[in-house]
C-alpha atoms as a PDB file:
ATOM      1  CA  MET A   1       0.000   0.000   0.000  1.00  0.00           C
ATOM      2  CA  GLU A   2       1.582   3.250  -1.141  1.00  0.00           C
ATOM      3  CA  CYS A   3       0.115   6.516   0.055  1.00  0.00           C
ATOM      4  CA  SER A   4       2.904   9.030   0.660  1.00  0.00           C
ATOM      5  CA  LEU A   5       1.771  12.316   2.188  1.00  0.00           C
ATOM      6  CA  ASP A   6       3.442  15.649   2.824  1.00  0.00           C
ATOM      7  CA  PHE A   7       3.414  15.899   6.619  1.00  0.00           C
ATOM      8  CA  SER A   8       5.828  16.786   9.385  1.00  0.00           C
ATOM      9  CA  ALA A   9       3.786  15.907  12.493  1.00  0.00           C
ATOM     10  CA  VAL A  10       1.206  13.412  13.689  1.00  0.00           C
ATOM     11  CA  ILE A  11      -1.373  13.773  16.446  1.00  0.00           C
ATOM     12  CA  PHE A  12      -2.725  10.425  17.657  1.00  0.00           C
ATOM     13  CA  ASP A  13      -5.899   9.645  19.538  1.00  0.00           C
ATOM     14  CA  LEU A  14      -5.253   7.177  22.385  1.00  0.00           C
ATOM     15  CA  ASP A  15      -8.098   4.730  23.112  1.00  0.00           C
ATOM     16  CA  GLY A  16      -8.915   2.641  20.055  1.00  0.00           C
ATOM     17  CA  THR A  17      -5.962   4.067  18.117  1.00  0.00           C
ATOM     18  CA  LEU A  18      -2.725   3.470  20.024  1.00  0.00           C
ATOM     19  CA  LEU A  19      -4.122   1.385  22.878  1.00  0.00           C
ATOM     20  CA  ASP A  20      -6.806  -1.292  23.014  1.00  0.00           C
ATOM     21  CA  THR A  21      -8.614  -0.163  26.161  1.00  0.00           C
ATOM     22  CA  LEU A  22     -12.148  -1.367  25.438  1.00  0.00           C
ATOM     23  CA  GLY A  23     -12.142  -4.191  27.993  1.00  0.00           C
ATOM     24  CA  GLU A  24     -10.746  -1.910  30.659  1.00  0.00           C
ATOM     25  CA  ILE A  25     -13.302   0.839  30.011  1.00  0.00           C
ATOM     26  CA  ALA A  26     -16.109  -1.729  30.039  1.00  0.00           C
ATOM     27  CA  ALA A  27     -14.890  -3.242  33.310  1.00  0.00           C
ATOM     28  CA  ALA A  28     -14.829   0.174  34.971  1.00  0.00           C
ATOM     29  CA  GLY A  29     -18.212   1.190  33.573  1.00  0.00           C
ATOM     30  CA  ASN A  30     -19.908  -2.044  34.520  1.00  0.00           C
ATOM     31  CA  SER A  31     -18.447  -2.054  38.019  1.00  0.00           C
ATOM     32  CA  ALA A  32     -19.727   1.495  38.532  1.00  0.00           C
ATOM     33  CA  LEU A  33     -23.174   0.475  37.276  1.00  0.00           C
ATOM     34  CA  GLU A  34     -23.210  -2.505  39.654  1.00  0.00           C
ATOM     35  CA  ARG A  35     -22.356  -0.220  42.565  1.00  0.00           C
ATOM     36  CA  MET A  36     -25.439   1.831  41.676  1.00  0.00           C
ATOM     37  CA  GLY A  37     -27.598  -1.293  41.378  1.00  0.00           C
ATOM     38  CA  PHE A  38     -28.001  -0.971  37.598  1.00  0.00           C
ATOM     39  CA  GLU A  39     -27.747  -3.533  34.795  1.00  0.00           C
ATOM     40  CA  THR A  40     -24.384  -3.816  33.049  1.00  0.00           C
ATOM     41  CA  HIS A  41     -23.589  -3.736  29.308  1.00  0.00           C
ATOM     42  CA  PRO A  42     -21.773  -6.200  27.027  1.00  0.00           C
ATOM     43  CA  VAL A  43     -18.181  -5.150  26.339  1.00  0.00           C
ATOM     44  CA  ASP A  44     -18.953  -4.487  22.664  1.00  0.00           C
ATOM     45  CA  ALA A  45     -21.624  -1.947  23.634  1.00  0.00           C
ATOM     46  CA  TYR A  46     -18.855   0.298  24.924  1.00  0.00           C
ATOM     47  CA  ARG A  47     -17.594   0.773  21.358  1.00  0.00           C
ATOM     48  CA  SER A  48     -20.393   3.287  20.846  1.00  0.00           C
ATOM     49  CA  PHE A  49     -20.221   4.771  24.356  1.00  0.00           C
ATOM     50  CA  VAL A  50     -16.581   5.924  24.231  1.00  0.00           C
ATOM     51  CA  GLY A  51     -14.912   8.787  22.405  1.00  0.00           C
ATOM     52  CA  SER A  52     -16.330  11.952  23.926  1.00  0.00           C
ATOM     53  CA  GLY A  53     -14.759  11.917  27.388  1.00  0.00           C
ATOM     54  CA  ALA A  54     -15.618  10.397  30.750  1.00  0.00           C
ATOM     55  CA  LYS A  55     -18.606  12.642  31.466  1.00  0.00           C
ATOM     56  CA  LYS A  56     -20.344  11.785  28.195  1.00  0.00           C
ATOM     57  CA  LEU A  57     -19.525   8.117  28.778  1.00  0.00           C
ATOM     58  CA  ALA A  58     -21.177   8.327  32.194  1.00  0.00           C
ATOM     59  CA  TRP A  59     -24.403   9.626  30.681  1.00  0.00           C
ATOM     60  CA  ARG A  60     -24.431   7.093  27.850  1.00  0.00           C
ATOM     61  CA  VAL A  61     -24.000   4.003  30.048  1.00  0.00           C
ATOM     62  CA  LEU A  62     -26.779   4.937  32.482  1.00  0.00           C
ATOM     63  CA  PRO A  63     -30.094   3.122  31.954  1.00  0.00           C
ATOM     64  CA  ALA A  64     -32.537   5.195  29.900  1.00  0.00           C
ATOM     65  CA  GLY A  65     -34.875   5.612  32.862  1.00  0.00           C
ATOM     66  CA  GLN A  66     -32.040   6.865  35.065  1.00  0.00           C
ATOM     67  CA  GLN A  67     -30.591   9.513  32.768  1.00  0.00           C
ATOM     68  CA  ASN A  68     -31.308  12.509  34.953  1.00  0.00           C
ATOM     69  CA  GLN A  69     -29.101  15.066  36.660  1.00  0.00           C
ATOM     70  CA  GLU A  70     -29.486  13.663  40.177  1.00  0.00           C
ATOM     71  CA  VAL A  71     -28.418  10.131  39.233  1.00  0.00           C
ATOM     72  CA  TYR A  72     -25.711  11.425  36.893  1.00  0.00           C
ATOM     73  CA  ASP A  73     -24.157  13.581  39.638  1.00  0.00           C
ATOM     74  CA  LEU A  74     -23.951  10.518  41.900  1.00  0.00           C
ATOM     75  CA  PHE A  75     -22.636   8.270  39.141  1.00  0.00           C
ATOM     76  CA  VAL A  76     -19.764  10.353  37.714  1.00  0.00           C
ATOM     77  CA  PRO A  77     -17.462  10.200  40.793  1.00  0.00           C
ATOM     78  CA  ILE A  78     -18.141   6.454  41.147  1.00  0.00           C
ATOM     79  CA  LEU A  79     -17.218   5.896  37.504  1.00  0.00           C
ATOM     80  CA  LEU A  80     -14.023   7.938  37.891  1.00  0.00           C
ATOM     81  CA  GLU A  81     -13.096   5.884  40.970  1.00  0.00           C
ATOM     82  CA  GLU A  82     -13.518   2.695  38.964  1.00  0.00           C
ATOM     83  CA  PHE A  83     -11.438   4.090  36.105  1.00  0.00           C
ATOM     84  CA  ASP A  84      -8.709   4.963  38.571  1.00  0.00           C
ATOM     85  CA  SER A  85      -8.690   1.522  40.217  1.00  0.00           C
ATOM     86  CA  ARG A  86      -8.584  -0.338  36.903  1.00  0.00           C
ATOM     87  CA  LEU A  87      -6.304   2.020  34.990  1.00  0.00           C
ATOM     88  CA  ASN A  88      -3.733   0.147  32.882  1.00  0.00           C
ATOM     89  CA  THR A  89      -4.695  -3.294  34.212  1.00  0.00           C
ATOM     90  CA  ILE A  90      -6.258  -4.687  31.015  1.00  0.00           C
ATOM     91  CA  ALA A  91      -5.228  -2.202  28.297  1.00  0.00           C
ATOM     92  CA  LYS A  92      -2.391  -2.900  25.876  1.00  0.00           C
ATOM     93  CA  PRO A  93      -0.927  -1.326  22.736  1.00  0.00           C
ATOM     94  CA  TYR A  94      -2.338  -2.609  19.470  1.00  0.00           C
ATOM     95  CA  ALA A  95      -0.002  -5.052  17.732  1.00  0.00           C
ATOM     96  CA  GLY A  96       2.546  -3.143  15.680  1.00  0.00           C
ATOM     97  CA  ILE A  97       2.037   0.249  17.334  1.00  0.00           C
ATOM     98  CA  PRO A  98       5.413   0.476  19.152  1.00  0.00           C
ATOM     99  CA  GLU A  99       7.260  -0.438  15.936  1.00  0.00           C
ATOM    100  CA  VAL A 100       5.272   2.052  13.845  1.00  0.00           C
ATOM    101  CA  LEU A 101       5.936   4.857  16.329  1.00  0.00           C
ATOM    102  CA  ALA A 102       9.656   4.024  16.237  1.00  0.00           C
ATOM    103  CA  ASP A 103       9.554   4.275  12.433  1.00  0.00           C
ATOM    104  CA  PHE A 104       7.823   7.654  12.572  1.00  0.00           C
ATOM    105  CA  SER A 105      10.371   8.924  15.072  1.00  0.00           C
ATOM    106  CA  ALA A 106      13.266   7.655  12.937  1.00  0.00           C
ATOM    107  CA  ALA A 107      11.748   9.485   9.966  1.00  0.00           C
ATOM    108  CA  GLY A 108      11.881  12.753  11.936  1.00  0.00           C
ATOM    109  CA  LYS A 109       8.126  13.144  12.375  1.00  0.00           C
ATOM    110  CA  LYS A 110       6.991  15.014  15.482  1.00  0.00           C
ATOM    111  CA  MET A 111       4.331  13.123  17.426  1.00  0.00           C
ATOM    112  CA  ALA A 112       1.750  14.016  20.053  1.00  0.00           C
ATOM    113  CA  VAL A 113      -1.248  12.392  21.731  1.00  0.00           C
ATOM    114  CA  LEU A 114      -4.639  14.075  22.104  1.00  0.00           C
ATOM    115  CA  SER A 115      -7.393  12.189  23.920  1.00  0.00           C
ATOM    116  CA  ASN A 116     -10.737  13.036  25.467  1.00  0.00           C
ATOM    117  CA  LYS A 117      -9.834  10.629  28.282  1.00  0.00           C
ATOM    118  CA  PRO A 118      -9.170  12.625  31.488  1.00  0.00           C
ATOM    119  CA  HIS A 119      -5.699  14.154  31.291  1.00  0.00           C
ATOM    120  CA  GLU A 120      -4.112  12.362  34.236  1.00  0.00           C
ATOM    121  CA  PHE A 121      -5.358   8.968  32.982  1.00  0.00           C
ATOM    122  CA  THR A 122      -4.069   9.712  29.480  1.00  0.00           C
ATOM    123  CA  VAL A 123      -0.583  10.598  30.715  1.00  0.00           C
ATOM    124  CA  ALA A 124      -0.439   7.542  32.990  1.00  0.00           C
ATOM    125  CA  ALA A 125      -1.445   5.183  30.171  1.00  0.00           C
ATOM    126  CA  VAL A 126       1.129   6.567  27.731  1.00  0.00           C
ATOM    127  CA  ASN A 127       3.861   6.466  30.378  1.00  0.00           C
ATOM    128  CA  LYS A 128       3.119   2.828  31.144  1.00  0.00           C
ATOM    129  CA  PHE A 129       2.569   1.356  27.683  1.00  0.00           C
ATOM    130  CA  LEU A 130       4.665   3.587  25.407  1.00  0.00           C
ATOM    131  CA  PRO A 131       7.453   4.780  27.725  1.00  0.00           C
ATOM    132  CA  ASP A 132      10.145   4.805  25.052  1.00  0.00           C
ATOM    133  CA  VAL A 133       8.225   6.953  22.550  1.00  0.00           C
ATOM    134  CA  ASP A 134       9.419  10.535  22.284  1.00  0.00           C
ATOM    135  CA  PHE A 135       6.042  12.288  22.137  1.00  0.00           C
ATOM    136  CA  PHE A 136       6.271  16.064  21.879  1.00  0.00           C
ATOM    137  CA  GLU A 137       3.293  16.342  24.223  1.00  0.00           C
ATOM    138  CA  VAL A 138       0.560  14.110  25.681  1.00  0.00           C
ATOM    139  CA  CYS A 139      -2.786  15.804  26.269  1.00  0.00           C
ATOM    140  CA  GLY A 140      -5.996  14.431  27.756  1.00  0.00           C
ATOM    141  CA  GLY A 141      -9.328  16.007  28.528  1.00  0.00           C
ATOM    142  CA  ARG A 142      -9.222  19.091  30.740  1.00  0.00           C
ATOM    143  CA  ASN A 143     -11.899  21.429  31.998  1.00  0.00           C
ATOM    144  CA  ASP A 144     -10.220  24.515  30.546  1.00  0.00           C
ATOM    145  CA  VAL A 145      -9.921  23.268  26.930  1.00  0.00           C
ATOM    146  CA  PRO A 146     -12.848  22.172  24.730  1.00  0.00           C
ATOM    147  CA  LEU A 147     -12.868  18.446  24.050  1.00  0.00           C
ATOM    148  CA  LYS A 148     -12.603  16.965  20.564  1.00  0.00           C
ATOM    149  CA  PRO A 149     -14.130  17.448  17.986  1.00  0.00           C
ATOM    150  CA  GLU A 150     -13.475  21.108  18.791  1.00  0.00           C
ATOM    151  CA  PRO A 151     -10.114  21.883  17.135  1.00  0.00           C
ATOM    152  CA  ASP A 152      -8.613  24.101  19.853  1.00  0.00           C
ATOM    153  CA  ALA A 153      -6.306  21.532  21.470  1.00  0.00           C
ATOM    154  CA  ALA A 154      -5.204  20.046  18.134  1.00  0.00           C
ATOM    155  CA  LEU A 155      -4.355  23.474  16.740  1.00  0.00           C
ATOM    156  CA  LYS A 156      -2.447  24.375  19.888  1.00  0.00           C
ATOM    157  CA  LEU A 157      -0.407  21.166  19.592  1.00  0.00           C
ATOM    158  CA  ALA A 158       0.437  21.863  15.950  1.00  0.00           C
ATOM    159  CA  GLU A 159       1.491  25.399  16.844  1.00  0.00           C
ATOM    160  CA  SER A 160       3.659  24.125  19.705  1.00  0.00           C
ATOM    161  CA  MET A 161       5.329  21.652  17.360  1.00  0.00           C
ATOM    162  CA  GLY A 162       5.924  24.420  14.837  1.00  0.00           C
ATOM    163  CA  VAL A 163       3.981  22.638  12.094  1.00  0.00           C
ATOM    164  CA  ALA A 164       1.172  24.042   9.953  1.00  0.00           C
ATOM    165  CA  PRO A 165      -2.177  22.229  10.357  1.00  0.00           C
ATOM    166  CA  HIS A 166      -2.224  21.112   6.717  1.00  0.00           C
ATOM    167  CA  HIS A 167       1.137  19.397   7.269  1.00  0.00           C
ATOM    168  CA  THR A 168      -0.215  17.517  10.302  1.00  0.00           C
ATOM    169  CA  LEU A 169      -1.900  14.105  10.362  1.00  0.00           C
ATOM    170  CA  PHE A 170      -4.691  13.525  12.856  1.00  0.00           C
ATOM    171  CA  VAL A 171      -5.099   9.793  13.430  1.00  0.00           C
ATOM    172  CA  GLY A 172      -8.103   8.375  15.269  1.00  0.00           C
ATOM    173  CA  ASP A 173     -10.692   5.615  15.316  1.00  0.00           C
ATOM    174  CA  SER A 174     -13.980   7.511  15.669  1.00  0.00           C
ATOM    175  CA  ASP A 175     -16.058  10.163  13.961  1.00  0.00           C
ATOM    176  CA  VAL A 176     -15.032  12.497  16.781  1.00  0.00           C
ATOM    177  CA  ASP A 177     -11.384  12.179  15.743  1.00  0.00           C
ATOM    178  CA  ILE A 178     -12.072  12.584  12.035  1.00  0.00           C
ATOM    179  CA  LYS A 179     -14.167  15.685  12.702  1.00  0.00           C
ATOM    180  CA  THR A 180     -11.372  17.049  14.905  1.00  0.00           C
ATOM    181  CA  GLY A 181      -8.888  16.645  12.088  1.00  0.00           C
ATOM    182  CA  ILE A 182     -11.228  18.258   9.583  1.00  0.00           C
ATOM    183  CA  ASN A 183     -12.147  21.112  11.933  1.00  0.00           C
ATOM    184  CA  ALA A 184      -8.442  21.797  12.497  1.00  0.00           C
ATOM    185  CA  GLY A 185      -7.602  21.740   8.777  1.00  0.00           C
ATOM    186  CA  MET A 186      -5.432  18.659   9.199  1.00  0.00           C
ATOM    187  CA  ILE A 187      -5.173  15.407   7.219  1.00  0.00           C
ATOM    188  CA  ALA A 188      -7.730  13.112   8.881  1.00  0.00           C
ATOM    189  CA  VAL A 189      -6.591   9.474   8.989  1.00  0.00           C
ATOM    190  CA  GLY A 190      -9.006   6.799  10.168  1.00  0.00           C
ATOM    191  CA  ALA A 191      -7.760   3.950  12.359  1.00  0.00           C
ATOM    192  CA  GLY A 192      -9.946   1.179  10.947  1.00  0.00           C
ATOM    193  CA  TRP A 193      -8.566  -1.299  13.509  1.00  0.00           C
ATOM    194  CA  GLY A 194     -10.118   0.628  16.411  1.00  0.00           C
ATOM    195  CA  PHE A 195     -13.447   0.690  18.218  1.00  0.00           C
ATOM    196  CA  ARG A 196     -15.756   2.023  15.502  1.00  0.00           C
ATOM    197  CA  GLY A 197     -14.686   0.548  12.159  1.00  0.00           C
ATOM    198  CA  GLU A 198     -14.227   1.772   8.597  1.00  0.00           C
ATOM    199  CA  GLY A 199     -17.841   2.697   7.849  1.00  0.00           C
ATOM    200  CA  GLU A 200     -18.081   5.403  10.495  1.00  0.00           C
ATOM    201  CA  LEU A 201     -14.691   6.837   9.535  1.00  0.00           C
ATOM    202  CA  VAL A 202     -15.535   7.078   5.839  1.00  0.00           C
ATOM    203  CA  LYS A 203     -18.920   8.633   6.603  1.00  0.00           C
ATOM    204  CA  ALA A 204     -17.247  11.212   8.857  1.00  0.00           C
ATOM    205  CA  GLY A 205     -15.048  12.334   5.946  1.00  0.00           C
ATOM    206  CA  ALA A 206     -11.680  10.693   6.604  1.00  0.00           C
ATOM    207  CA  ASN A 207      -9.062  11.500   3.981  1.00  0.00           C
ATOM    208  CA  ILE A 208      -7.654   7.982   4.379  1.00  0.00           C
ATOM    209  CA  VAL A 209      -8.755   4.885   6.342  1.00  0.00           C
ATOM    210  CA  LEU A 210      -6.151   2.266   7.214  1.00  0.00           C
ATOM    211  CA  ASP A 211      -6.875  -1.355   8.157  1.00  0.00           C
ATOM    212  CA  THR A 212      -4.012  -2.095  10.551  1.00  0.00           C
ATOM    213  CA  PRO A 213      -1.460  -0.129  12.602  1.00  0.00           C
ATOM    214  CA  ALA A 214       1.293  -1.442  10.304  1.00  0.00           C
ATOM    215  CA  ASP A 215      -0.394   0.382   7.398  1.00  0.00           C
ATOM    216  CA  LEU A 216       0.602   3.688   9.007  1.00  0.00           C
ATOM    217  CA  VAL A 217       4.148   3.130   7.743  1.00  0.00           C
ATOM    218  CA  SER A 218       2.806   3.413   4.186  1.00  0.00           C
ATOM    219  CA  LEU A 219       2.195   7.110   4.871  1.00  0.00           C
ATOM    220  CA  LEU A 220       5.906   7.824   5.286  1.00  0.00           C
END
């Protein structure tokens, strides 16, 4: 597969792109639901729940009849506790990701991570699973910066790296990531191996959709 692009930097999503965290997110969500006395969800259901940050995830996993502010306010801190207790216990990098990142680094590409996962959890996951990768910056969700698909954080990363948006790849596995890339004027690359699949990425307007992490090397 040949698909050479003119880019100097890459911004990666985390969950579903660099790391397979679905089982871990599901375990935390279901444990939090059990603590509230609610029914749990199959692991695969979490594919559609994730992507917009912990607070949106909290709302989405609540039973339809319990989606109100009072229950939500009780549930969010319980969910965050469960995330904290299970962090990095089940997750793992997708096969081929460490090698691909080494290739990008060797090619002189600047790299960063931008996730809607809470910032401290994002940093901890990258430090544990990709400790040898020289990321320019690792950014998770914060209260003072709009979450993806708003382009603010992506544009700030590109500026910090000294790279124009149109020379920056934005790689992610959901429509949220593709829309972030488009909103920021970047090259939106769909991670077809992730949580959502090729169909959603194409529909969202991805410039390119790749089947496996190893296919990323074809972009060099």
